[in-house]
Amino acid sequence: MDEEKLKALEAEKQQPLIGSNIWVLVPVVAIIMWGLQNIF
C-alpha cells in the first residue's frame, strides 16, 4: 500500500517537471533566437 502510494507520488512529481521545463525552455529559446536575429 505504502509502496504504491510512493510510486504514484514519484510519477506525479516527474510529469509536471517535464511540462514546466518545456514552458521554461520555449520563451528562453525564443528570446535567444530573437537576440541572435538582432545581432546579425
Protein backbone atom coordinates (compact mmCIF):
# COMPACT_ATOMS: atom_id res chain seq x y z
CA MET A 1 0.00 0.00 0.00
CA ASP A 2 2.68 2.50 1.02
CA GLU A 3 4.95 1.47 -1.87
CA GLU A 4 2.12 2.03 -4.35
CA LYS A 5 1.48 5.49 -2.91
CA LEU A 6 5.19 6.34 -3.17
CA LYS A 7 5.31 5.21 -6.81
CA ALA A 8 2.21 7.29 -7.61
CA LEU A 9 3.75 10.35 -5.91
CA GLU A 10 7.02 9.91 -7.80
CA ALA A 11 5.15 9.63 -11.12
CA GLU A 12 3.16 12.79 -10.31
CA LYS A 13 6.36 14.64 -9.41
CA GLN A 14 8.14 13.64 -12.65
CA GLN A 15 5.33 14.53 -15.07
CA PRO A 16 4.80 18.19 -14.03
CA LEU A 17 8.57 18.77 -14.00
CA ILE A 18 8.80 17.78 -17.67
CA GLY A 19 5.87 20.05 -18.55
CA SER A 20 7.21 23.03 -16.59
CA ASN A 21 10.67 22.60 -18.13
CA ILE A 22 9.13 22.85 -21.62
CA TRP A 23 7.26 26.04 -20.63
CA VAL A 24 10.55 27.48 -19.31
CA LEU A 25 12.60 26.45 -22.35
CA VAL A 26 10.17 27.78 -25.00
CA PRO A 27 10.42 31.50 -24.02
CA VAL A 28 14.17 31.18 -23.32
CA VAL A 29 14.79 29.75 -26.81
CA ALA A 30 12.53 32.42 -28.35
CA ILE A 31 14.47 35.20 -26.59
CA ILE A 32 17.81 33.70 -27.68
CA MET A 33 16.65 33.39 -31.32
CA TRP A 34 15.30 36.98 -31.24
CA GLY A 35 18.59 38.21 -29.76
CA LEU A 36 20.63 36.40 -32.43
CA GLN A 37 18.48 37.92 -35.21
CA ASN A 38 19.15 41.43 -33.81
CA ILE A 39 22.92 40.75 -33.64
CA PHE A 40 23.21 39.53 -37.25
